[in-house]
């Protein structure tokens, strides 16, 4: 295709998430030289426009409204649809994030459009583009081509490299006024149960623990290692079910899907449901006392040993390099 692509940026606490720049890079591959228009929704997002342009957007359209301070599918869909009707794009790109996974089917339904979700790679460009996405819990991949109508995709974070920022780029920023009405959901309070620090879904390094950590205190050395590596802490469902940590850290088929540069699995046996959420990590290091543990089948490096001995050794060695 050669035409206009609408990309949805995402911000957290006034800072653009990295997936916002990845959507622009994906849009560049499919636009075949067409215009890239970034959309920012929130209560105060105007100041983030320049950064989207520096990463490759040609224009930015913002919608600001008090009802967009917290995400709701009703509010965001009304705002996005107003921009869509104004821009009439040939393609739409969202991140395959918690927000994108909730909003994209709603928008696709309103547009009577197909949706290619959870894209991990794009082969070719323009009309020849093929979209690669995992199926069967990551055990296989399919290549999908859009043959007709609007092209609508969501991309998995950490899989498509963003373009290099060019602070000399400039572009037009415009605002659209939308009357957000008839909301069926109002966010009255947000209680954060996840730990502060690097966002798990976008972290370049993830240190995850399973039942082998034995207790909530068992996650402390894993947290130390994650902090040293500038990464995030994660967990298997078994660890969450055992009340060792909060379910916000769960990685797997029924939790978060992560694709970091480095994934360290400590005390995780490797159930297929867990591996569906991390098997596409670039480098996987598994630590487990059981040499027959399933996790070793997908690991690039395996350490057979007690995590409570191995993790402190890793911490000490990394400290020497700091």
C-alpha atoms as a PDB file:
ATOM      1  CA  UNK A   1       0.000   0.000   0.000  1.00  0.00           C
ATOM      2  CA  UNK A   2       1.043   3.599  -0.497  1.00  0.00           C
ATOM      3  CA  UNK A   3      -0.865   5.994   1.676  1.00  0.00           C
ATOM      4  CA  UNK A   4      -1.527   7.470   5.080  1.00  0.00           C
ATOM      5  CA  UNK A   5      -0.907   5.404   8.230  1.00  0.00           C
ATOM      6  CA  UNK A   6      -2.415   6.320  11.590  1.00  0.00           C
ATOM      7  CA  UNK A   7      -0.383   5.183  14.623  1.00  0.00           C
ATOM      8  CA  UNK A   8      -1.508   5.333  18.252  1.00  0.00           C
ATOM      9  CA  UNK A   9       1.073   6.565  20.734  1.00  0.00           C
ATOM     10  CA  UNK A  10       0.913   5.572  24.392  1.00  0.00           C
ATOM     11  CA  UNK A  11       2.136   7.532  27.379  1.00  0.00           C
ATOM     12  CA  UNK A  12       2.544   6.552  31.009  1.00  0.00           C
ATOM     13  CA  UNK A  13       2.728   9.252  33.657  1.00  0.00           C
ATOM     14  CA  UNK A  14       3.576  11.883  31.048  1.00  0.00           C
ATOM     15  CA  UNK A  15       6.310   9.837  29.340  1.00  0.00           C
ATOM     16  CA  UNK A  16       5.925   8.168  25.948  1.00  0.00           C
ATOM     17  CA  UNK A  17       6.252   4.394  26.050  1.00  0.00           C
ATOM     18  CA  UNK A  18       8.827   2.853  23.727  1.00  0.00           C
ATOM     19  CA  UNK A  19       6.094   0.990  21.847  1.00  0.00           C
ATOM     20  CA  UNK A  20       4.946   4.380  20.518  1.00  0.00           C
ATOM     21  CA  UNK A  21       8.164   4.647  18.515  1.00  0.00           C
ATOM     22  CA  UNK A  22       7.965   1.020  17.426  1.00  0.00           C
ATOM     23  CA  UNK A  23       4.532   1.640  15.888  1.00  0.00           C
ATOM     24  CA  UNK A  24       6.048   4.459  13.829  1.00  0.00           C
ATOM     25  CA  UNK A  25       8.815   2.150  12.579  1.00  0.00           C
ATOM     26  CA  UNK A  26       6.206  -0.454  11.625  1.00  0.00           C
ATOM     27  CA  UNK A  27       4.160   2.205   9.846  1.00  0.00           C
ATOM     28  CA  UNK A  28       7.214   3.250   7.812  1.00  0.00           C
ATOM     29  CA  UNK A  29       7.579  -0.307   6.510  1.00  0.00           C
ATOM     30  CA  UNK A  30       4.000  -0.525   5.280  1.00  0.00           C
ATOM     31  CA  UNK A  31       3.394   3.053   4.133  1.00  0.00           C
ATOM     32  CA  UNK A  32       5.662   2.862   1.047  1.00  0.00           C
ATOM     33  CA  UNK A  33       6.531   6.528   1.420  1.00  0.00           C
ATOM     34  CA  UNK A  34       3.093   7.614   2.615  1.00  0.00           C
ATOM     35  CA  UNK A  35       2.359   9.997   5.461  1.00  0.00           C
ATOM     36  CA  UNK A  36       2.688   8.809   9.072  1.00  0.00           C
ATOM     37  CA  UNK A  37       0.222  10.505  11.408  1.00  0.00           C
ATOM     38  CA  UNK A  38       0.636   9.890  15.144  1.00  0.00           C
ATOM     39  CA  UNK A  39      -2.358  10.101  17.485  1.00  0.00           C
ATOM     40  CA  UNK A  40      -1.948  11.024  21.152  1.00  0.00           C
ATOM     41  CA  UNK A  41      -4.907  10.744  23.526  1.00  0.00           C
ATOM     42  CA  UNK A  42      -4.969  11.970  27.130  1.00  0.00           C
ATOM     43  CA  UNK A  43      -5.605  14.939  29.359  1.00  0.00           C
ATOM     44  CA  UNK A  44      -2.213  16.600  28.729  1.00  0.00           C
ATOM     45  CA  UNK A  45      -0.330  15.117  25.763  1.00  0.00           C
ATOM     46  CA  UNK A  46       0.417  18.152  23.586  1.00  0.00           C
ATOM     47  CA  UNK A  47       3.963  18.408  24.980  1.00  0.00           C
ATOM     48  CA  UNK A  48       4.777  14.882  23.755  1.00  0.00           C
ATOM     49  CA  UNK A  49       4.163  15.679  20.084  1.00  0.00           C
ATOM     50  CA  UNK A  50       7.698  16.736  19.182  1.00  0.00           C
ATOM     51  CA  UNK A  51       9.166  13.456  20.406  1.00  0.00           C
ATOM     52  CA  UNK A  52       6.843  11.475  18.122  1.00  0.00           C
ATOM     53  CA  UNK A  53       8.003  13.625  15.192  1.00  0.00           C
ATOM     54  CA  UNK A  54      11.659  13.125  16.131  1.00  0.00           C
ATOM     55  CA  UNK A  55      11.100   9.352  15.904  1.00  0.00           C
ATOM     56  CA  UNK A  56       9.593   9.506  12.430  1.00  0.00           C
ATOM     57  CA  UNK A  57       6.008  10.779  12.534  1.00  0.00           C
ATOM     58  CA  UNK A  58       5.194  13.364   9.867  1.00  0.00           C
ATOM     59  CA  UNK A  59       2.283  14.900  11.775  1.00  0.00           C
ATOM     60  CA  UNK A  60       0.741  14.547  15.222  1.00  0.00           C
ATOM     61  CA  UNK A  61      -2.938  14.859  16.100  1.00  0.00           C
ATOM     62  CA  UNK A  62      -3.816  15.224  19.774  1.00  0.00           C
ATOM     63  CA  UNK A  63      -7.092  14.832  21.641  1.00  0.00           C
ATOM     64  CA  UNK A  64      -7.119  16.197  25.189  1.00  0.00           C
ATOM     65  CA  UNK A  65     -10.023  15.766  27.572  1.00  0.00           C
ATOM     66  CA  UNK A  66     -10.371  15.173  31.330  1.00  0.00           C
ATOM     67  CA  UNK A  67     -12.134  11.855  30.592  1.00  0.00           C
ATOM     68  CA  UNK A  68      -8.992  10.651  28.798  1.00  0.00           C
ATOM     69  CA  UNK A  69      -6.727  10.994  31.839  1.00  0.00           C
ATOM     70  CA  UNK A  70      -7.301   7.311  32.603  1.00  0.00           C
ATOM     71  CA  UNK A  71      -7.895   4.760  29.873  1.00  0.00           C
ATOM     72  CA  UNK A  72     -11.429   3.558  29.232  1.00  0.00           C
ATOM     73  CA  UNK A  73     -12.469   1.797  26.044  1.00  0.00           C
ATOM     74  CA  UNK A  74     -15.484   4.111  25.637  1.00  0.00           C
ATOM     75  CA  UNK A  75     -13.509   7.329  26.029  1.00  0.00           C
ATOM     76  CA  UNK A  76     -10.543   6.299  23.920  1.00  0.00           C
ATOM     77  CA  UNK A  77     -12.679   4.803  21.157  1.00  0.00           C
ATOM     78  CA  UNK A  78     -14.710   8.017  20.859  1.00  0.00           C
ATOM     79  CA  UNK A  79     -11.536  10.096  20.682  1.00  0.00           C
ATOM     80  CA  UNK A  80      -9.748   7.810  18.213  1.00  0.00           C
ATOM     81  CA  UNK A  81     -12.768   7.465  15.945  1.00  0.00           C
ATOM     82  CA  UNK A  82     -13.024  11.266  15.709  1.00  0.00           C
ATOM     83  CA  UNK A  83      -9.424  11.416  14.495  1.00  0.00           C
ATOM     84  CA  UNK A  84      -9.973   8.469  12.164  1.00  0.00           C
ATOM     85  CA  UNK A  85     -12.981  10.138  10.516  1.00  0.00           C
ATOM     86  CA  UNK A  86     -10.945  13.292  10.007  1.00  0.00           C
ATOM     87  CA  UNK A  87      -7.836  11.585   8.610  1.00  0.00           C
ATOM     88  CA  UNK A  88      -9.342   8.658   6.631  1.00  0.00           C
ATOM     89  CA  UNK A  89      -6.101   6.594   6.722  1.00  0.00           C
ATOM     90  CA  UNK A  90      -5.223   3.557   4.633  1.00  0.00           C
ATOM     91  CA  UNK A  91      -3.740   1.711   7.622  1.00  0.00           C
ATOM     92  CA  UNK A  92      -3.792   1.787  11.433  1.00  0.00           C
ATOM     93  CA  UNK A  93      -1.053   0.570  13.785  1.00  0.00           C
ATOM     94  CA  UNK A  94      -1.455   0.024  17.556  1.00  0.00           C
ATOM     95  CA  UNK A  95       0.887  -1.537  20.089  1.00  0.00           C
ATOM     96  CA  UNK A  96      -0.123  -5.015  21.278  1.00  0.00           C
ATOM     97  CA  UNK A  97      -0.186  -3.734  24.853  1.00  0.00           C
ATOM     98  CA  UNK A  98      -2.877  -4.001  27.505  1.00  0.00           C
ATOM     99  CA  UNK A  99      -4.425  -0.836  26.049  1.00  0.00           C
ATOM    100  CA  UNK A 100      -4.005  -1.921  22.434  1.00  0.00           C
ATOM    101  CA  UNK A 101      -5.380  -5.415  23.020  1.00  0.00           C
ATOM    102  CA  UNK A 102      -8.511  -3.947  24.575  1.00  0.00           C
ATOM    103  CA  UNK A 103      -9.067  -1.029  22.194  1.00  0.00           C
ATOM    104  CA  UNK A 104      -8.124  -2.475  18.792  1.00  0.00           C
ATOM    105  CA  UNK A 105     -10.974  -5.054  18.526  1.00  0.00           C
ATOM    106  CA  UNK A 106     -13.492  -2.354  19.476  1.00  0.00           C
ATOM    107  CA  UNK A 107     -12.166   0.019  16.799  1.00  0.00           C
ATOM    108  CA  UNK A 108     -11.948  -2.760  14.194  1.00  0.00           C
ATOM    109  CA  UNK A 109     -15.569  -3.672  14.888  1.00  0.00           C
ATOM    110  CA  UNK A 110     -16.684  -0.056  14.486  1.00  0.00           C
ATOM    111  CA  UNK A 111     -14.823   0.127  11.169  1.00  0.00           C
ATOM    112  CA  UNK A 112     -16.032  -3.295  10.009  1.00  0.00           C
ATOM    113  CA  UNK A 113     -12.371  -4.110   9.460  1.00  0.00           C
ATOM    114  CA  UNK A 114     -10.135  -7.120   9.846  1.00  0.00           C
ATOM    115  CA  UNK A 115      -7.405  -7.074  12.488  1.00  0.00           C
ATOM    116  CA  UNK A 116      -3.949  -8.642  12.332  1.00  0.00           C
ATOM    117  CA  UNK A 117      -2.929  -8.793  15.977  1.00  0.00           C
ATOM    118  CA  UNK A 118       0.304  -9.502  17.855  1.00  0.00           C
ATOM    119  CA  UNK A 119       2.643  -8.964  14.899  1.00  0.00           C
ATOM    120  CA  UNK A 120       6.252  -9.796  15.790  1.00  0.00           C
ATOM    121  CA  UNK A 121       7.893  -9.091  12.410  1.00  0.00           C
ATOM    122  CA  UNK A 122       7.139  -7.548   9.024  1.00  0.00           C
ATOM    123  CA  UNK A 123       8.631  -9.003   5.851  1.00  0.00           C
ATOM    124  CA  UNK A 124       8.681  -6.833   2.768  1.00  0.00           C
ATOM    125  CA  UNK A 125       7.255  -3.355   2.401  1.00  0.00           C
ATOM    126  CA  UNK A 126       4.166  -1.628   1.062  1.00  0.00           C
ATOM    127  CA  UNK A 127       1.693  -3.882  -0.719  1.00  0.00           C
ATOM    128  CA  UNK A 128       4.131  -6.806  -0.502  1.00  0.00           C
ATOM    129  CA  UNK A 129       4.285  -6.706   3.296  1.00  0.00           C
ATOM    130  CA  UNK A 130       3.765  -9.994   5.146  1.00  0.00           C
ATOM    131  CA  UNK A 131       2.927  -9.914   8.839  1.00  0.00           C
ATOM    132  CA  UNK A 132       4.334 -12.660  11.067  1.00  0.00           C
ATOM    133  CA  UNK A 133       2.448 -13.547  14.241  1.00  0.00           C
ATOM    134  CA  UNK A 134       2.605 -16.466  16.710  1.00  0.00           C
ATOM    135  CA  UNK A 135      -0.230 -18.992  16.938  1.00  0.00           C
ATOM    136  CA  UNK A 136      -0.956 -22.040  19.129  1.00  0.00           C
ATOM    137  CA  UNK A 137       0.602 -20.423  22.215  1.00  0.00           C
ATOM    138  CA  UNK A 138       3.782 -19.587  20.334  1.00  0.00           C
ATOM    139  CA  UNK A 139       4.407 -23.114  19.068  1.00  0.00           C
ATOM    140  CA  UNK A 140       4.041 -21.995  15.443  1.00  0.00           C
ATOM    141  CA  UNK A 141       4.031 -18.808  13.371  1.00  0.00           C
ATOM    142  CA  UNK A 142       1.861 -17.725  10.489  1.00  0.00           C
ATOM    143  CA  UNK A 143       2.416 -15.190   7.740  1.00  0.00           C
ATOM    144  CA  UNK A 144      -0.582 -12.992   7.007  1.00  0.00           C
ATOM    145  CA  UNK A 145      -1.195 -10.647   4.086  1.00  0.00           C
ATOM    146  CA  UNK A 146      -3.861  -7.967   3.916  1.00  0.00           C
ATOM    147  CA  UNK A 147      -5.639  -8.359   0.568  1.00  0.00           C
ATOM    148  CA  UNK A 148      -8.357  -5.723   0.710  1.00  0.00           C
ATOM    149  CA  UNK A 149      -9.713  -2.834   2.737  1.00  0.00           C
ATOM    150  CA  UNK A 150      -8.183  -1.108   5.730  1.00  0.00           C
ATOM    151  CA  UNK A 151      -4.942  -2.597   7.043  1.00  0.00           C
ATOM    152  CA  UNK A 152      -5.156  -2.727  10.849  1.00  0.00           C
ATOM    153  CA  UNK A 153      -2.335  -4.316  12.878  1.00  0.00           C
ATOM    154  CA  UNK A 154      -1.082  -4.433  16.452  1.00  0.00           C
ATOM    155  CA  UNK A 155       2.617  -5.025  17.072  1.00  0.00           C
ATOM    156  CA  UNK A 156       4.165  -6.837  20.023  1.00  0.00           C
ATOM    157  CA  UNK A 157       6.516  -4.568  22.029  1.00  0.00           C
ATOM    158  CA  UNK A 158      10.282  -5.128  21.758  1.00  0.00           C
ATOM    159  CA  UNK A 159      10.096  -6.837  18.358  1.00  0.00           C
ATOM    160  CA  UNK A 160      10.312  -4.016  15.807  1.00  0.00           C
ATOM    161  CA  UNK A 161      13.234  -1.671  16.366  1.00  0.00           C
ATOM    162  CA  UNK A 162      12.297   2.021  16.496  1.00  0.00           C
ATOM    163  CA  UNK A 163      13.968   4.443  14.106  1.00  0.00           C
ATOM    164  CA  UNK A 164      16.837   6.534  15.417  1.00  0.00           C
ATOM    165  CA  UNK A 165      15.636   9.814  16.873  1.00  0.00           C
ATOM    166  CA  UNK A 166      16.325  12.880  14.733  1.00  0.00           C
ATOM    167  CA  UNK A 167      15.877  16.010  16.822  1.00  0.00           C
ATOM    168  CA  UNK A 168      16.122  18.192  13.722  1.00  0.00           C
ATOM    169  CA  UNK A 169      12.866  16.822  12.283  1.00  0.00           C
ATOM    170  CA  UNK A 170       9.838  19.074  12.425  1.00  0.00           C
ATOM    171  CA  UNK A 171       6.187  18.497  11.679  1.00  0.00           C
ATOM    172  CA  UNK A 172       2.723  19.899  12.161  1.00  0.00           C
ATOM    173  CA  UNK A 173       0.806  19.312  15.378  1.00  0.00           C
ATOM    174  CA  UNK A 174      -2.946  19.842  15.488  1.00  0.00           C
ATOM    175  CA  UNK A 175      -5.631  19.333  18.110  1.00  0.00           C
ATOM    176  CA  UNK A 176      -9.053  17.772  17.678  1.00  0.00           C
ATOM    177  CA  UNK A 177     -11.836  18.662  20.092  1.00  0.00           C
ATOM    178  CA  UNK A 178     -14.046  15.709  20.991  1.00  0.00           C
ATOM    179  CA  UNK A 179     -17.059  15.730  23.300  1.00  0.00           C
ATOM    180  CA  UNK A 180     -16.558  12.531  25.301  1.00  0.00           C
ATOM    181  CA  UNK A 181     -20.064  11.489  26.355  1.00  0.00           C
ATOM    182  CA  UNK A 182     -22.134   8.556  27.589  1.00  0.00           C
ATOM    183  CA  UNK A 183     -19.251   6.813  29.317  1.00  0.00           C
ATOM    184  CA  UNK A 184     -20.330   3.499  30.773  1.00  0.00           C
ATOM    185  CA  UNK A 185     -17.157   3.244  32.848  1.00  0.00           C
ATOM    186  CA  UNK A 186     -15.645   5.924  35.085  1.00  0.00           C
ATOM    187  CA  UNK A 187     -12.241   5.391  36.747  1.00  0.00           C
ATOM    188  CA  UNK A 188     -12.594   6.773  40.261  1.00  0.00           C
ATOM    189  CA  UNK A 189      -9.314   5.498  41.690  1.00  0.00           C
ATOM    190  CA  UNK A 190      -6.232   3.620  40.510  1.00  0.00           C
ATOM    191  CA  UNK A 191      -4.497   1.343  43.005  1.00  0.00           C
ATOM    192  CA  UNK A 192      -1.088   0.267  41.753  1.00  0.00           C
ATOM    193  CA  UNK A 193      -0.029  -3.174  42.956  1.00  0.00           C
ATOM    194  CA  UNK A 194       2.921  -3.608  40.608  1.00  0.00           C
ATOM    195  CA  UNK A 195       6.391  -2.588  41.698  1.00  0.00           C
ATOM    196  CA  UNK A 196       7.893   0.698  40.591  1.00  0.00           C
ATOM    197  CA  UNK A 197      10.608   0.741  37.962  1.00  0.00           C
ATOM    198  CA  UNK A 198      10.934  -0.689  34.463  1.00  0.00           C
ATOM    199  CA  UNK A 199       7.668  -1.682  32.799  1.00  0.00           C
ATOM    200  CA  UNK A 200       7.585  -5.476  32.507  1.00  0.00           C
ATOM    201  CA  UNK A 201       6.049  -5.617  29.030  1.00  0.00           C
ATOM    202  CA  UNK A 202       8.735  -3.356  27.548  1.00  0.00           C
ATOM    203  CA  UNK A 203      11.769  -4.329  29.635  1.00  0.00           C
ATOM    204  CA  UNK A 204      14.955  -5.268  27.795  1.00  0.00           C
ATOM    205  CA  UNK A 205      15.918  -7.578  30.675  1.00  0.00           C
ATOM    206  CA  UNK A 206      13.477  -9.721  32.666  1.00  0.00           C
ATOM    207  CA  UNK A 207      14.359 -11.822  35.708  1.00  0.00           C
ATOM    208  CA  UNK A 208      11.494 -14.227  36.435  1.00  0.00           C
ATOM    209  CA  UNK A 209      10.915 -16.575  39.349  1.00  0.00           C
ATOM    210  CA  UNK A 210       8.782 -19.687  39.687  1.00  0.00           C
ATOM    211  CA  UNK A 211       7.751 -22.011  42.477  1.00  0.00           C
ATOM    212  CA  UNK A 212      11.424 -22.685  43.051  1.00  0.00           C
ATOM    213  CA  UNK A 213      11.805 -19.330  44.833  1.00  0.00           C
ATOM    214  CA  UNK A 214       9.829 -20.993  47.685  1.00  0.00           C
ATOM    215  CA  UNK A 215       8.502 -17.766  49.243  1.00  0.00           C
ATOM    216  CA  UNK A 216       7.896 -14.059  48.755  1.00  0.00           C
ATOM    217  CA  UNK A 217      11.310 -13.430  50.341  1.00  0.00           C
ATOM    218  CA  UNK A 218      12.818 -15.673  47.670  1.00  0.00           C
ATOM    219  CA  UNK A 219      12.158 -12.948  45.111  1.00  0.00           C
ATOM    220  CA  UNK A 220      14.501 -10.507  46.853  1.00  0.00           C
ATOM    221  CA  UNK A 221      17.738 -11.746  45.203  1.00  0.00           C
ATOM    222  CA  UNK A 222      15.929 -11.829  41.843  1.00  0.00           C
ATOM    223  CA  UNK A 223      14.906  -8.200  42.363  1.00  0.00           C
ATOM    224  CA  UNK A 224      18.507  -7.304  43.192  1.00  0.00           C
ATOM    225  CA  UNK A 225      19.691  -8.940  39.972  1.00  0.00           C
ATOM    226  CA  UNK A 226      17.002  -7.191  37.939  1.00  0.00           C
ATOM    227  CA  UNK A 227      17.950  -3.827  39.437  1.00  0.00           C
ATOM    228  CA  UNK A 228      21.620  -4.381  38.615  1.00  0.00           C
ATOM    229  CA  UNK A 229      20.759  -5.221  35.004  1.00  0.00           C
ATOM    230  CA  UNK A 230      18.281  -2.367  34.644  1.00  0.00           C
ATOM    231  CA  UNK A 231      15.475  -4.852  34.124  1.00  0.00           C
ATOM    232  CA  UNK A 232      12.106  -5.883  35.491  1.00  0.00           C
ATOM    233  CA  UNK A 233      10.957  -8.733  37.710  1.00  0.00           C
ATOM    234  CA  UNK A 234       8.452 -11.324  36.474  1.00  0.00           C
ATOM    235  CA  UNK A 235       6.933 -14.587  37.651  1.00  0.00           C
ATOM    236  CA  UNK A 236       5.312 -17.812  36.552  1.00  0.00           C
ATOM    237  CA  UNK A 237       1.672 -18.491  37.336  1.00  0.00           C
ATOM    238  CA  UNK A 238       2.790 -21.099  39.876  1.00  0.00           C
ATOM    239  CA  UNK A 239       4.616 -18.430  41.874  1.00  0.00           C
ATOM    240  CA  UNK A 240       1.608 -16.119  41.684  1.00  0.00           C
ATOM    241  CA  UNK A 241      -0.813 -18.885  42.710  1.00  0.00           C
ATOM    242  CA  UNK A 242       1.430 -19.676  45.674  1.00  0.00           C
ATOM    243  CA  UNK A 243       1.079 -16.017  46.745  1.00  0.00           C
ATOM    244  CA  UNK A 244       4.807 -15.365  46.410  1.00  0.00           C
ATOM    245  CA  UNK A 245       4.084 -12.254  44.339  1.00  0.00           C
ATOM    246  CA  UNK A 246       1.290 -10.260  42.753  1.00  0.00           C
ATOM    247  CA  UNK A 247      -0.479 -11.442  39.584  1.00  0.00           C
ATOM    248  CA  UNK A 248       0.606  -8.222  37.855  1.00  0.00           C
ATOM    249  CA  UNK A 249       4.009  -9.919  37.436  1.00  0.00           C
ATOM    250  CA  UNK A 250       2.637 -13.058  35.781  1.00  0.00           C
ATOM    251  CA  UNK A 251       4.188 -14.009  32.442  1.00  0.00           C
ATOM    252  CA  UNK A 252       2.515 -16.577  30.224  1.00  0.00           C
ATOM    253  CA  UNK A 253      -0.533 -17.445  28.190  1.00  0.00           C
ATOM    254  CA  UNK A 254      -2.888 -15.942  30.780  1.00  0.00           C
ATOM    255  CA  UNK A 255      -0.462 -13.203  31.845  1.00  0.00           C
ATOM    256  CA  UNK A 256       1.885 -10.803  30.085  1.00  0.00           C
ATOM    257  CA  UNK A 257       3.784 -11.670  26.906  1.00  0.00           C
ATOM    258  CA  UNK A 258       7.378 -10.411  26.975  1.00  0.00           C
ATOM    259  CA  UNK A 259      10.164 -10.424  24.411  1.00  0.00           C
ATOM    260  CA  UNK A 260      13.218  -8.961  26.163  1.00  0.00           C
ATOM    261  CA  UNK A 261      16.810  -9.102  24.960  1.00  0.00           C
ATOM    262  CA  UNK A 262      17.612 -11.230  28.026  1.00  0.00           C
ATOM    263  CA  UNK A 263      15.230 -13.472  29.976  1.00  0.00           C
ATOM    264  CA  UNK A 264      16.501 -15.155  33.144  1.00  0.00           C
ATOM    265  CA  UNK A 265      14.193 -17.910  34.411  1.00  0.00           C
ATOM    266  CA  UNK A 266      14.979 -18.921  37.997  1.00  0.00           C
ATOM    267  CA  UNK A 267      13.201 -21.898  39.549  1.00  0.00           C
ATOM    268  CA  UNK A 268      10.741 -22.154  36.645  1.00  0.00           C
ATOM    269  CA  UNK A 269      10.002 -25.650  35.345  1.00  0.00           C
ATOM    270  CA  UNK A 270       8.781 -24.468  31.951  1.00  0.00           C
ATOM    271  CA  UNK A 271       5.078 -25.242  31.589  1.00  0.00           C
ATOM    272  CA  UNK A 272       3.857 -24.620  28.050  1.00  0.00           C
ATOM    273  CA  UNK A 273       1.557 -21.846  29.322  1.00  0.00           C
ATOM    274  CA  UNK A 274       4.540 -19.966  30.732  1.00  0.00           C
ATOM    275  CA  UNK A 275       6.722 -20.476  27.679  1.00  0.00           C
ATOM    276  CA  UNK A 276       3.962 -19.034  25.491  1.00  0.00           C
ATOM    277  CA  UNK A 277       4.691 -15.716  27.186  1.00  0.00           C
ATOM    278  CA  UNK A 278       8.497 -15.649  26.913  1.00  0.00           C
ATOM    279  CA  UNK A 279       9.769 -18.130  24.322  1.00  0.00           C
ATOM    280  CA  UNK A 280      10.459 -15.353  21.776  1.00  0.00           C
ATOM    281  CA  UNK A 281      12.981 -13.672  24.073  1.00  0.00           C
ATOM    282  CA  UNK A 282      16.267 -13.069  22.256  1.00  0.00           C
ATOM    283  CA  UNK A 283      18.454 -14.821  24.877  1.00  0.00           C
ATOM    284  CA  UNK A 284      17.041 -17.159  27.532  1.00  0.00           C
ATOM    285  CA  UNK A 285      19.020 -18.240  30.601  1.00  0.00           C
ATOM    286  CA  UNK A 286      17.445 -20.983  32.712  1.00  0.00           C
ATOM    287  CA  UNK A 287      18.427 -21.823  36.303  1.00  0.00           C
ATOM    288  CA  UNK A 288      16.913 -24.988  37.741  1.00  0.00           C
ATOM    289  CA  UNK A 289      17.991 -27.868  40.001  1.00  0.00           C
ATOM    290  CA  UNK A 290      16.224 -30.396  37.754  1.00  0.00           C
ATOM    291  CA  UNK A 291      18.344 -31.141  34.636  1.00  0.00           C
ATOM    292  CA  UNK A 292      15.194 -32.518  32.952  1.00  0.00           C
ATOM    293  CA  UNK A 293      13.167 -29.334  33.458  1.00  0.00           C
ATOM    294  CA  UNK A 294      11.225 -28.357  30.361  1.00  0.00           C
ATOM    295  CA  UNK A 295      12.589 -24.807  30.458  1.00  0.00           C
ATOM    296  CA  UNK A 296      15.978 -26.070  29.265  1.00  0.00           C
ATOM    297  CA  UNK A 297      14.417 -27.001  25.914  1.00  0.00           C
ATOM    298  CA  UNK A 298      14.016 -23.346  24.973  1.00  0.00           C
ATOM    299  CA  UNK A 299      17.009 -21.942  26.887  1.00  0.00           C
ATOM    300  CA  UNK A 300      20.094 -20.639  25.112  1.00  0.00           C
ATOM    301  CA  UNK A 301      22.068 -21.158  28.306  1.00  0.00           C
ATOM    302  CA  UNK A 302      21.174 -23.584  31.086  1.00  0.00           C
ATOM    303  CA  UNK A 303      22.522 -23.663  34.624  1.00  0.00           C
ATOM    304  CA  UNK A 304      21.731 -26.775  36.654  1.00  0.00           C
ATOM    305  CA  UNK A 305      21.911 -25.638  40.253  1.00  0.00           C
ATOM    306  CA  UNK A 306      20.217 -24.048  43.240  1.00  0.00           C
ATOM    307  CA  UNK A 307      19.017 -20.547  42.336  1.00  0.00           C
ATOM    308  CA  UNK A 308      19.821 -19.381  45.873  1.00  0.00           C
ATOM    309  CA  UNK A 309      23.465 -20.197  45.171  1.00  0.00           C
ATOM    310  CA  UNK A 310      23.581 -19.190  41.499  1.00  0.00           C
ATOM    311  CA  UNK A 311      21.792 -15.820  41.692  1.00  0.00           C
ATOM    312  CA  UNK A 312      24.089 -14.385  44.454  1.00  0.00           C
ATOM    313  CA  UNK A 313      27.111 -15.498  42.409  1.00  0.00           C
ATOM    314  CA  UNK A 314      25.731 -13.712  39.337  1.00  0.00           C
ATOM    315  CA  UNK A 315      25.100 -10.580  41.415  1.00  0.00           C
ATOM    316  CA  UNK A 316      28.665 -10.535  42.732  1.00  0.00           C
ATOM    317  CA  UNK A 317      30.167 -11.030  39.266  1.00  0.00           C
ATOM    318  CA  UNK A 318      28.023  -8.258  37.751  1.00  0.00           C
ATOM    319  CA  UNK A 319      28.984  -5.897  40.585  1.00  0.00           C
ATOM    320  CA  UNK A 320      32.640  -6.441  39.679  1.00  0.00           C
ATOM    321  CA  UNK A 321      31.892  -5.188  36.172  1.00  0.00           C
ATOM    322  CA  UNK A 322      30.139  -2.040  37.350  1.00  0.00           C
END
